[in-house]
Every structure is written in structure tokens, then in C-alpha cells.
Amino acid sequence: DIPAEGSLLPETYHYRRGDDRNALIKRMQKEMNDTLAEIWPTRASD
């Protein structure tokens, strides 16, 4: 399944042999959500 556009944070991700690819996708989505939650309150008022 292809995730929604913009829901995956571009970054370098480390993993171990045998790690699940779908688990990595979920990790990338969480990283994006956490990043947005941190940045959004600091946006300019205008």
C-alpha cells in the first residue's frame, strides 16, 4: 500500500538485518507526525 503523499519524513533511517519494511514505513510516518507537531506551533502568525 502506498502511503499518503507527504506522510513520510525524508531522512536517513538505520535498521537491522531482518527488520520489516512495513514497520519502517510506520516509523517514517511517526517521525513526520512528530516533526510537524514540533514545528507547527512555531509558525509565523501571518
All heavy atoms as atom14 arrays in JSON, in Angstrom:
{
  "sequence": "DIPAEGSLLPETYHYRRGDDRNALIKRMQKEMNDTLAEIWPTRASD",
  "atom14_mask": [
    [1, 1, 1, 1, 1, 1, 1, 1, 0, 0, 0, 0, 0, 0],
    [1, 1, 1, 1, 1, 1, 1, 1, 0, 0, 0, 0, 0, 0],
    [1, 1, 1, 1, 1, 1, 1, 0, 0, 0, 0, 0, 0, 0],
    [1, 1, 1, 1, 1, 0, 0, 0, 0, 0, 0, 0, 0, 0],
    [1, 1, 1, 1, 1, 1, 1, 1, 1, 0, 0, 0, 0, 0],
    [1, 1, 1, 1, 0, 0, 0, 0, 0, 0, 0, 0, 0, 0],
    [1, 1, 1, 1, 1, 1, 0, 0, 0, 0, 0, 0, 0, 0],
    [1, 1, 1, 1, 1, 1, 1, 1, 0, 0, 0, 0, 0, 0],
    [1, 1, 1, 1, 1, 1, 1, 1, 0, 0, 0, 0, 0, 0],
    [1, 1, 1, 1, 1, 1, 1, 0, 0, 0, 0, 0, 0, 0],
    [1, 1, 1, 1, 1, 1, 1, 1, 1, 0, 0, 0, 0, 0],
    [1, 1, 1, 1, 1, 1, 1, 0, 0, 0, 0, 0, 0, 0],
    [1, 1, 1, 1, 1, 1, 1, 1, 1, 1, 1, 1, 0, 0],
    [1, 1, 1, 1, 1, 1, 1, 1, 1, 1, 0, 0, 0, 0],
    [1, 1, 1, 1, 1, 1, 1, 1, 1, 1, 1, 1, 0, 0],
    [1, 1, 1, 1, 1, 1, 1, 1, 1, 1, 1, 0, 0, 0],
    [1, 1, 1, 1, 1, 1, 1, 1, 1, 1, 1, 0, 0, 0],
    [1, 1, 1, 1, 0, 0, 0, 0, 0, 0, 0, 0, 0, 0],
    [1, 1, 1, 1, 1, 1, 1, 1, 0, 0, 0, 0, 0, 0],
    [1, 1, 1, 1, 1, 1, 1, 1, 0, 0, 0, 0, 0, 0],
    [1, 1, 1, 1, 1, 1, 1, 1, 1, 1, 1, 0, 0, 0],
    [1, 1, 1, 1, 1, 1, 1, 1, 0, 0, 0, 0, 0, 0],
    [1, 1, 1, 1, 1, 0, 0, 0, 0, 0, 0, 0, 0, 0],
    [1, 1, 1, 1, 1, 1, 1, 1, 0, 0, 0, 0, 0, 0],
    [1, 1, 1, 1, 1, 1, 1, 1, 0, 0, 0, 0, 0, 0],
    [1, 1, 1, 1, 1, 1, 1, 1, 1, 0, 0, 0, 0, 0],
    [1, 1, 1, 1, 1, 1, 1, 1, 1, 1, 1, 0, 0, 0],
    [1, 1, 1, 1, 1, 1, 1, 1, 0, 0, 0, 0, 0, 0],
    [1, 1, 1, 1, 1, 1, 1, 1, 1, 0, 0, 0, 0, 0],
    [1, 1, 1, 1, 1, 1, 1, 1, 1, 0, 0, 0, 0, 0],
    [1, 1, 1, 1, 1, 1, 1, 1, 1, 0, 0, 0, 0, 0],
    [1, 1, 1, 1, 1, 1, 1, 1, 0, 0, 0, 0, 0, 0],
    [1, 1, 1, 1, 1, 1, 1, 1, 0, 0, 0, 0, 0, 0],
    [1, 1, 1, 1, 1, 1, 1, 1, 0, 0, 0, 0, 0, 0],
    [1, 1, 1, 1, 1, 1, 1, 0, 0, 0, 0, 0, 0, 0],
    [1, 1, 1, 1, 1, 1, 1, 1, 0, 0, 0, 0, 0, 0],
    [1, 1, 1, 1, 1, 0, 0, 0, 0, 0, 0, 0, 0, 0],
    [1, 1, 1, 1, 1, 1, 1, 1, 1, 0, 0, 0, 0, 0],
    [1, 1, 1, 1, 1, 1, 1, 1, 0, 0, 0, 0, 0, 0],
    [1, 1, 1, 1, 1, 1, 1, 1, 1, 1, 1, 1, 1, 1],
    [1, 1, 1, 1, 1, 1, 1, 0, 0, 0, 0, 0, 0, 0],
    [1, 1, 1, 1, 1, 1, 1, 0, 0, 0, 0, 0, 0, 0],
    [1, 1, 1, 1, 1, 1, 1, 1, 1, 1, 1, 0, 0, 0],
    [1, 1, 1, 1, 1, 0, 0, 0, 0, 0, 0, 0, 0, 0],
    [1, 1, 1, 1, 1, 1, 0, 0, 0, 0, 0, 0, 0, 0],
    [1, 1, 1, 1, 1, 1, 1, 1, 0, 0, 0, 0, 0, 0]
  ],
  "atom14_positions": [
    [[0.84, -1.2, 0.0], [0.0, 0.0, 0.0], [0.87, 1.25, 0.0], [1.8, 1.38, 0.81], [-0.91, 0.0, 1.23], [-1.87, -1.19, 1.23], [-2.28, -1.59, 0.13], [-2.18, -1.71, 2.32], [0.0, 0.0, 0.0], [0.0, 0.0, 0.0], [0.0, 0.0, 0.0], [0.0, 0.0, 0.0], [0.0, 0.0, 0.0], [0.0, 0.0, 0.0]],
    [[0.56, 2.17, -0.9], [1.31, 3.42, -0.99], [0.76, 4.42, 0.03], [-0.43, 4.74, 0.0], [1.22, 4.03, -2.41], [1.67, 3.0, -3.46], [2.06, 5.3, -2.5], [3.09, 2.51, -3.3], [0.0, 0.0, 0.0], [0.0, 0.0, 0.0], [0.0, 0.0, 0.0], [0.0, 0.0, 0.0], [0.0, 0.0, 0.0], [0.0, 0.0, 0.0]],
    [[1.6, 4.93, 0.94], [1.13, 5.9, 1.94], [0.72, 7.21, 1.29], [1.05, 7.49, 0.13], [2.36, 6.09, 2.84], [3.26, 4.94, 2.54], [3.01, 4.58, 1.11], [0.0, 0.0, 0.0], [0.0, 0.0, 0.0], [0.0, 0.0, 0.0], [0.0, 0.0, 0.0], [0.0, 0.0, 0.0], [0.0, 0.0, 0.0], [0.0, 0.0, 0.0]],
    [[0.02, 8.03, 2.04], [-0.41, 9.35, 1.55], [0.82, 10.21, 1.25], [1.84, 10.11, 1.93], [-1.29, 10.03, 2.59], [0.0, 0.0, 0.0], [0.0, 0.0, 0.0], [0.0, 0.0, 0.0], [0.0, 0.0, 0.0], [0.0, 0.0, 0.0], [0.0, 0.0, 0.0], [0.0, 0.0, 0.0], [0.0, 0.0, 0.0], [0.0, 0.0, 0.0]],
    [[0.71, 11.04, 0.22], [1.8, 11.93, -0.13], [2.13, 12.86, 1.04], [1.23, 13.4, 1.69], [1.44, 12.78, -1.36], [1.34, 12.0, -2.66], [2.67, 11.4, -3.09], [3.73, 11.88, -2.64], [2.65, 10.44, -3.89], [0.0, 0.0, 0.0], [0.0, 0.0, 0.0], [0.0, 0.0, 0.0], [0.0, 0.0, 0.0], [0.0, 0.0, 0.0]],
    [[3.41, 13.02, 1.3], [3.84, 13.92, 2.36], [3.78, 13.35, 3.76], [4.06, 14.04, 4.73], [0.0, 0.0, 0.0], [0.0, 0.0, 0.0], [0.0, 0.0, 0.0], [0.0, 0.0, 0.0], [0.0, 0.0, 0.0], [0.0, 0.0, 0.0], [0.0, 0.0, 0.0], [0.0, 0.0, 0.0], [0.0, 0.0, 0.0], [0.0, 0.0, 0.0]],
    [[3.4, 12.07, 3.88], [3.27, 11.48, 5.22], [4.55, 10.8, 5.7], [4.61, 10.32, 6.83], [2.12, 10.46, 5.23], [2.42, 9.35, 4.39], [0.0, 0.0, 0.0], [0.0, 0.0, 0.0], [0.0, 0.0, 0.0], [0.0, 0.0, 0.0], [0.0, 0.0, 0.0], [0.0, 0.0, 0.0], [0.0, 0.0, 0.0], [0.0, 0.0, 0.0]],
    [[5.58, 10.76, 4.83], [6.83, 10.08, 5.17], [7.96, 11.11, 5.26], [8.21, 11.86, 4.32], [7.17, 9.03, 4.11], [6.09, 7.99, 3.82], [6.49, 7.11, 2.64], [5.81, 7.15, 5.06], [0.0, 0.0, 0.0], [0.0, 0.0, 0.0], [0.0, 0.0, 0.0], [0.0, 0.0, 0.0], [0.0, 0.0, 0.0], [0.0, 0.0, 0.0]],
    [[8.64, 11.14, 6.38], [9.71, 12.13, 6.57], [10.98, 11.7, 5.85], [11.51, 10.62, 6.1], [10.01, 12.28, 8.07], [11.08, 13.33, 8.41], [10.54, 14.73, 8.13], [11.52, 13.22, 9.86], [0.0, 0.0, 0.0], [0.0, 0.0, 0.0], [0.0, 0.0, 0.0], [0.0, 0.0, 0.0], [0.0, 0.0, 0.0], [0.0, 0.0, 0.0]],
    [[11.49, 12.52, 4.91], [12.74, 12.2, 4.24], [13.91, 12.31, 5.22], [14.08, 13.33, 5.87], [12.85, 13.26, 3.14], [11.82, 14.27, 3.4], [10.91, 13.78, 4.45], [0.0, 0.0, 0.0], [0.0, 0.0, 0.0], [0.0, 0.0, 0.0], [0.0, 0.0, 0.0], [0.0, 0.0, 0.0], [0.0, 0.0, 0.0], [0.0, 0.0, 0.0]],
    [[14.66, 11.24, 5.35], [15.72, 11.18, 6.35], [16.55, 9.93, 6.08], [16.18, 9.09, 5.26], [15.11, 11.14, 7.75], [16.08, 11.22, 8.92], [16.9, 12.48, 8.92], [16.44, 13.52, 9.45], [18.01, 12.42, 8.35], [0.0, 0.0, 0.0], [0.0, 0.0, 0.0], [0.0, 0.0, 0.0], [0.0, 0.0, 0.0], [0.0, 0.0, 0.0]],
    [[17.65, 9.76, 6.78], [18.4, 8.51, 6.74], [17.94, 7.65, 7.91], [17.98, 8.09, 9.07], [19.92, 8.77, 6.85], [20.36, 9.47, 5.68], [20.68, 7.45, 6.93], [0.0, 0.0, 0.0], [0.0, 0.0, 0.0], [0.0, 0.0, 0.0], [0.0, 0.0, 0.0], [0.0, 0.0, 0.0], [0.0, 0.0, 0.0], [0.0, 0.0, 0.0]],
    [[17.49, 6.44, 7.6], [16.96, 5.53, 8.62], [17.87, 4.32, 8.77], [18.28, 3.71, 7.78], [15.54, 5.08, 8.24], [14.53, 6.2, 8.29], [14.3, 6.99, 7.16], [13.83, 6.48, 9.45], [13.38, 8.03, 7.2], [12.91, 7.52, 9.5], [12.69, 8.29, 8.37], [11.78, 9.32, 8.42], [0.0, 0.0, 0.0], [0.0, 0.0, 0.0]],
    [[18.18, 4.0, 10.02], [19.01, 2.83, 10.31], [18.12, 1.64, 10.65], [17.06, 1.8, 11.27], [19.96, 3.13, 11.47], [20.95, 4.22, 11.15], [22.09, 3.99, 10.4], [20.95, 5.54, 11.46], [22.76, 5.12, 10.27], [22.09, 6.07, 10.89], [0.0, 0.0, 0.0], [0.0, 0.0, 0.0], [0.0, 0.0, 0.0], [0.0, 0.0, 0.0]],
    [[18.54, 0.47, 10.24], [17.78, -0.74, 10.52], [18.72, -1.93, 10.66], [19.91, -1.84, 10.34], [16.75, -1.0, 9.41], [17.36, -1.29, 8.05], [17.63, -2.61, 7.64], [17.67, -0.27, 7.15], [18.19, -2.88, 6.39], [18.22, -0.54, 5.9], [18.47, -1.84, 5.53], [19.03, -2.1, 4.31], [0.0, 0.0, 0.0], [0.0, 0.0, 0.0]],
    [[18.2, -3.02, 11.17], [18.96, -4.25, 11.35], [18.5, -5.31, 10.35], [17.36, -5.26, 9.87], [18.79, -4.8, 12.77], [19.11, -3.79, 13.87], [20.58, -3.57, 14.03], [20.87, -2.56, 15.05], [22.09, -2.22, 15.44], [23.14, -2.79, 14.88], [22.28, -1.29, 16.36], [0.0, 0.0, 0.0], [0.0, 0.0, 0.0], [0.0, 0.0, 0.0]],
    [[19.35, -6.22, 10.04], [19.01, -7.31, 9.12], [17.74, -8.0, 9.61], [17.61, -8.35, 10.78], [20.16, -8.31, 9.05], [19.92, -9.44, 8.05], [21.04, -10.47, 8.13], [20.85, -11.49, 7.13], [21.41, -11.49, 5.93], [22.23, -10.51, 5.58], [21.19, -12.46, 5.07], [0.0, 0.0, 0.0], [0.0, 0.0, 0.0], [0.0, 0.0, 0.0]],
    [[16.79, -8.18, 8.7], [15.55, -8.88, 9.04], [14.43, -7.96, 9.49], [13.29, -8.4, 9.64], [0.0, 0.0, 0.0], [0.0, 0.0, 0.0], [0.0, 0.0, 0.0], [0.0, 0.0, 0.0], [0.0, 0.0, 0.0], [0.0, 0.0, 0.0], [0.0, 0.0, 0.0], [0.0, 0.0, 0.0], [0.0, 0.0, 0.0], [0.0, 0.0, 0.0]],
    [[14.71, -6.66, 9.7], [13.65, -5.72, 10.1], [12.58, -5.64, 9.0], [12.88, -5.77, 7.81], [14.23, -4.33, 10.33], [14.94, -4.21, 11.68], [14.93, -5.2, 12.43], [15.5, -3.14, 11.97], [0.0, 0.0, 0.0], [0.0, 0.0, 0.0], [0.0, 0.0, 0.0], [0.0, 0.0, 0.0], [0.0, 0.0, 0.0], [0.0, 0.0, 0.0]],
    [[11.34, -5.42, 9.42], [10.22, -5.41, 8.49], [10.08, -4.06, 7.79], [10.14, -3.0, 8.42], [8.92, -5.74, 9.25], [7.74, -5.82, 8.31], [7.69, -6.76, 7.5], [6.87, -4.92, 8.38], [0.0, 0.0, 0.0], [0.0, 0.0, 0.0], [0.0, 0.0, 0.0], [0.0, 0.0, 0.0], [0.0, 0.0, 0.0], [0.0, 0.0, 0.0]],
    [[9.87, -4.09, 6.49], [9.75, -2.87, 5.69], [8.51, -2.06, 6.07], [8.53, -0.83, 6.09], [9.73, -3.21, 4.2], [11.06, -3.74, 3.68], [11.03, -3.96, 2.17], [12.35, -4.31, 1.66], [12.81, -5.54, 1.57], [12.04, -6.56, 1.94], [14.03, -5.78, 1.09], [0.0, 0.0, 0.0], [0.0, 0.0, 0.0], [0.0, 0.0, 0.0]],
    [[7.42, -2.75, 6.35], [6.19, -2.03, 6.73], [6.36, -1.33, 8.08], [5.79, -0.26, 8.3], [5.01, -3.01, 6.78], [4.6, -3.46, 5.39], [3.95, -2.74, 4.65], [4.99, -4.67, 5.01], [0.0, 0.0, 0.0], [0.0, 0.0, 0.0], [0.0, 0.0, 0.0], [0.0, 0.0, 0.0], [0.0, 0.0, 0.0], [0.0, 0.0, 0.0]],
    [[7.14, -1.94, 8.97], [7.41, -1.3, 10.26], [8.23, -0.03, 10.05], [8.05, 0.97, 10.76], [8.15, -2.27, 11.18], [0.0, 0.0, 0.0], [0.0, 0.0, 0.0], [0.0, 0.0, 0.0], [0.0, 0.0, 0.0], [0.0, 0.0, 0.0], [0.0, 0.0, 0.0], [0.0, 0.0, 0.0], [0.0, 0.0, 0.0], [0.0, 0.0, 0.0]],
    [[9.13, -0.06, 9.07], [9.92, 1.14, 8.77], [9.03, 2.26, 8.22], [9.21, 3.43, 8.57], [11.03, 0.8, 7.77], [11.93, 1.97, 7.33], [12.58, 2.63, 8.55], [12.99, 1.49, 6.35], [0.0, 0.0, 0.0], [0.0, 0.0, 0.0], [0.0, 0.0, 0.0], [0.0, 0.0, 0.0], [0.0, 0.0, 0.0], [0.0, 0.0, 0.0]],
    [[8.06, 1.9, 7.38], [7.12, 2.9, 6.86], [6.36, 3.56, 8.01], [6.21, 4.79, 8.05], [6.12, 2.25, 5.87], [6.82, 1.86, 4.57], [4.94, 3.18, 5.6], [7.26, 3.03, 3.72], [0.0, 0.0, 0.0], [0.0, 0.0, 0.0], [0.0, 0.0, 0.0], [0.0, 0.0, 0.0], [0.0, 0.0, 0.0], [0.0, 0.0, 0.0]],
    [[5.91, 2.78, 8.96], [5.19, 3.33, 10.12], [6.1, 4.24, 10.93], [5.67, 5.27, 11.46], [4.65, 2.19, 10.99], [3.52, 1.4, 10.35], [3.03, 0.29, 11.27], [1.89, -0.48, 10.61], [1.42, -1.61, 11.47], [0.0, 0.0, 0.0], [0.0, 0.0, 0.0], [0.0, 0.0, 0.0], [0.0, 0.0, 0.0], [0.0, 0.0, 0.0]],
    [[7.36, 3.84, 11.03], [8.34, 4.67, 11.74], [8.53, 6.02, 11.04], [8.61, 7.07, 11.68], [9.66, 3.92, 11.82], [10.69, 4.53, 12.75], [11.82, 3.53, 12.94], [13.09, 4.09, 12.59], [14.12, 3.41, 12.14], [14.01, 2.13, 11.92], [15.27, 4.0, 11.87], [0.0, 0.0, 0.0], [0.0, 0.0, 0.0], [0.0, 0.0, 0.0]],
    [[8.58, 5.99, 9.72], [8.73, 7.22, 8.94], [7.51, 8.13, 9.1], [7.64, 9.35, 9.17], [8.96, 6.86, 7.47], [10.26, 6.11, 7.21], [10.37, 5.44, 5.54], [10.49, 6.96, 4.6], [0.0, 0.0, 0.0], [0.0, 0.0, 0.0], [0.0, 0.0, 0.0], [0.0, 0.0, 0.0], [0.0, 0.0, 0.0], [0.0, 0.0, 0.0]],
    [[6.33, 7.54, 9.15], [5.12, 8.32, 9.35], [5.1, 8.96, 10.74], [4.7, 10.12, 10.9], [3.89, 7.43, 9.16], [3.68, 7.0, 7.71], [2.56, 5.99, 7.55], [2.39, 5.09, 8.39], [1.8, 6.12, 6.48], [0.0, 0.0, 0.0], [0.0, 0.0, 0.0], [0.0, 0.0, 0.0], [0.0, 0.0, 0.0], [0.0, 0.0, 0.0]],
    [[5.54, 8.2, 11.73], [5.6, 8.74, 13.1], [6.61, 9.89, 13.17], [6.36, 10.91, 13.82], [5.99, 7.65, 14.09], [6.03, 8.13, 15.54], [6.4, 7.01, 16.49], [6.36, 7.51, 17.94], [7.24, 8.65, 18.22], [0.0, 0.0, 0.0], [0.0, 0.0, 0.0], [0.0, 0.0, 0.0], [0.0, 0.0, 0.0], [0.0, 0.0, 0.0]],
    [[7.75, 9.72, 12.52], [8.76, 10.77, 12.51], [8.2, 12.06, 11.88], [8.46, 13.16, 12.35], [10.0, 10.32, 11.74], [10.8, 9.21, 12.42], [11.58, 9.71, 13.62], [11.75, 10.94, 13.75], [12.02, 8.87, 14.42], [0.0, 0.0, 0.0], [0.0, 0.0, 0.0], [0.0, 0.0, 0.0], [0.0, 0.0, 0.0], [0.0, 0.0, 0.0]],
    [[7.42, 11.89, 10.8], [6.8, 13.05, 10.16], [5.8, 13.72, 11.09], [5.78, 14.95, 11.24], [6.12, 12.64, 8.85], [5.37, 13.78, 8.16], [6.43, 15.19, 7.75], [7.05, 14.67, 6.14], [0.0, 0.0, 0.0], [0.0, 0.0, 0.0], [0.0, 0.0, 0.0], [0.0, 0.0, 0.0], [0.0, 0.0, 0.0], [0.0, 0.0, 0.0]],
    [[4.95, 12.93, 11.74], [3.95, 13.49, 12.66], [4.61, 14.21, 13.82], [4.17, 15.29, 14.23], [3.03, 12.38, 13.18], [2.1, 11.83, 12.1], [1.78, 12.53, 11.14], [1.69, 10.59, 12.25], [0.0, 0.0, 0.0], [0.0, 0.0, 0.0], [0.0, 0.0, 0.0], [0.0, 0.0, 0.0], [0.0, 0.0, 0.0], [0.0, 0.0, 0.0]],
    [[5.67, 13.6, 14.37], [6.38, 14.22, 15.5], [7.04, 15.53, 15.07], [7.04, 16.52, 15.82], [7.44, 13.26, 16.05], [6.84, 12.06, 16.76], [5.61, 12.09, 17.04], [7.57, 11.09, 17.02], [0.0, 0.0, 0.0], [0.0, 0.0, 0.0], [0.0, 0.0, 0.0], [0.0, 0.0, 0.0], [0.0, 0.0, 0.0], [0.0, 0.0, 0.0]],
    [[7.6, 15.53, 13.86], [8.25, 16.75, 13.35], [7.25, 17.86, 13.15], [7.49, 19.02, 13.51], [8.99, 16.45, 12.03], [9.99, 15.45, 12.26], [9.65, 17.69, 11.48], [0.0, 0.0, 0.0], [0.0, 0.0, 0.0], [0.0, 0.0, 0.0], [0.0, 0.0, 0.0], [0.0, 0.0, 0.0], [0.0, 0.0, 0.0], [0.0, 0.0, 0.0]],
    [[6.1, 17.53, 12.56], [5.05, 18.54, 12.34], [4.53, 19.08, 13.66], [4.31, 20.29, 13.8], [3.91, 17.93, 11.54], [4.18, 17.67, 10.05], [3.03, 16.9, 9.43], [4.39, 18.99, 9.31], [0.0, 0.0, 0.0], [0.0, 0.0, 0.0], [0.0, 0.0, 0.0], [0.0, 0.0, 0.0], [0.0, 0.0, 0.0], [0.0, 0.0, 0.0]],
    [[4.33, 18.2, 14.63], [3.82, 18.63, 15.94], [4.8, 19.57, 16.63], [4.39, 20.48, 17.38], [3.56, 17.41, 16.82], [0.0, 0.0, 0.0], [0.0, 0.0, 0.0], [0.0, 0.0, 0.0], [0.0, 0.0, 0.0], [0.0, 0.0, 0.0], [0.0, 0.0, 0.0], [0.0, 0.0, 0.0], [0.0, 0.0, 0.0], [0.0, 0.0, 0.0]],
    [[6.09, 19.4, 16.34], [7.11, 20.26, 16.95], [7.22, 21.6, 16.23], [7.39, 22.65, 16.87], [8.46, 19.54, 16.91], [9.61, 20.33, 17.51], [10.93, 19.58, 17.42], [10.93, 18.37, 17.12], [11.98, 20.23, 17.64], [0.0, 0.0, 0.0], [0.0, 0.0, 0.0], [0.0, 0.0, 0.0], [0.0, 0.0, 0.0], [0.0, 0.0, 0.0]],
    [[7.1, 21.57, 14.91], [7.3, 22.79, 14.11], [6.06, 23.66, 14.04], [6.14, 24.89, 14.05], [7.76, 22.41, 12.69], [9.14, 21.76, 12.74], [7.79, 23.62, 11.78], [9.63, 21.25, 11.41], [0.0, 0.0, 0.0], [0.0, 0.0, 0.0], [0.0, 0.0, 0.0], [0.0, 0.0, 0.0], [0.0, 0.0, 0.0], [0.0, 0.0, 0.0]],
    [[4.87, 23.06, 13.96], [3.63, 23.8, 13.72], [3.4, 24.95, 14.71], [3.05, 26.07, 14.29], [2.44, 22.84, 13.72], [1.12, 23.48, 13.42], [0.08, 23.67, 14.28], [0.7, 24.04, 12.17], [-0.97, 24.31, 13.65], [-0.61, 24.54, 12.35], [1.31, 24.16, 10.92], [-1.32, 25.15, 11.32], [0.6, 24.78, 9.9], [-0.69, 25.26, 10.1]],
    [[3.61, 24.76, 16.0], [3.36, 25.87, 16.94], [4.31, 27.06, 16.75], [4.03, 28.16, 17.24], [3.58, 25.22, 18.32], [3.38, 23.76, 18.08], [3.93, 23.52, 16.71], [0.0, 0.0, 0.0], [0.0, 0.0, 0.0], [0.0, 0.0, 0.0], [0.0, 0.0, 0.0], [0.0, 0.0, 0.0], [0.0, 0.0, 0.0], [0.0, 0.0, 0.0]],
    [[5.42, 26.87, 16.04], [6.4, 27.95, 15.87], [6.19, 28.73, 14.58], [7.0, 29.6, 14.26], [7.83, 27.36, 15.87], [8.01, 26.53, 14.71], [8.09, 26.53, 17.12], [0.0, 0.0, 0.0], [0.0, 0.0, 0.0], [0.0, 0.0, 0.0], [0.0, 0.0, 0.0], [0.0, 0.0, 0.0], [0.0, 0.0, 0.0], [0.0, 0.0, 0.0]],
    [[5.11, 28.44, 13.83], [4.89, 29.09, 12.55], [4.61, 30.59, 12.75], [4.15, 31.01, 13.82], [3.71, 28.44, 11.82], [2.36, 28.7, 12.46], [1.28, 27.81, 11.86], [-0.04, 28.11, 12.4], [-0.47, 27.69, 13.58], [0.31, 26.96, 14.37], [-1.7, 27.98, 13.99], [0.0, 0.0, 0.0], [0.0, 0.0, 0.0], [0.0, 0.0, 0.0]],
    [[4.9, 31.37, 11.72], [4.62, 32.81, 11.78], [3.12, 33.06, 11.83], [2.32, 32.3, 11.25], [5.23, 33.5, 10.56], [0.0, 0.0, 0.0], [0.0, 0.0, 0.0], [0.0, 0.0, 0.0], [0.0, 0.0, 0.0], [0.0, 0.0, 0.0], [0.0, 0.0, 0.0], [0.0, 0.0, 0.0], [0.0, 0.0, 0.0], [0.0, 0.0, 0.0]],
    [[2.71, 34.13, 12.49], [1.29, 34.42, 12.67], [0.58, 34.73, 11.35], [-0.64, 34.56, 11.24], [1.11, 35.6, 13.64], [1.81, 36.74, 13.14], [0.0, 0.0, 0.0], [0.0, 0.0, 0.0], [0.0, 0.0, 0.0], [0.0, 0.0, 0.0], [0.0, 0.0, 0.0], [0.0, 0.0, 0.0], [0.0, 0.0, 0.0], [0.0, 0.0, 0.0]],
    [[1.32, 35.24, 10.35], [0.7, 35.59, 9.08], [0.83, 34.48, 8.03], [0.6, 34.72, 6.84], [1.32, 36.88, 8.53], [2.83, 36.75, 8.34], [3.42, 35.75, 8.84], [3.42, 37.62, 7.68], [0.0, 0.0, 0.0], [0.0, 0.0, 0.0], [0.0, 0.0, 0.0], [0.0, 0.0, 0.0], [0.0, 0.0, 0.0], [0.0, 0.0, 0.0]]
  ]
}
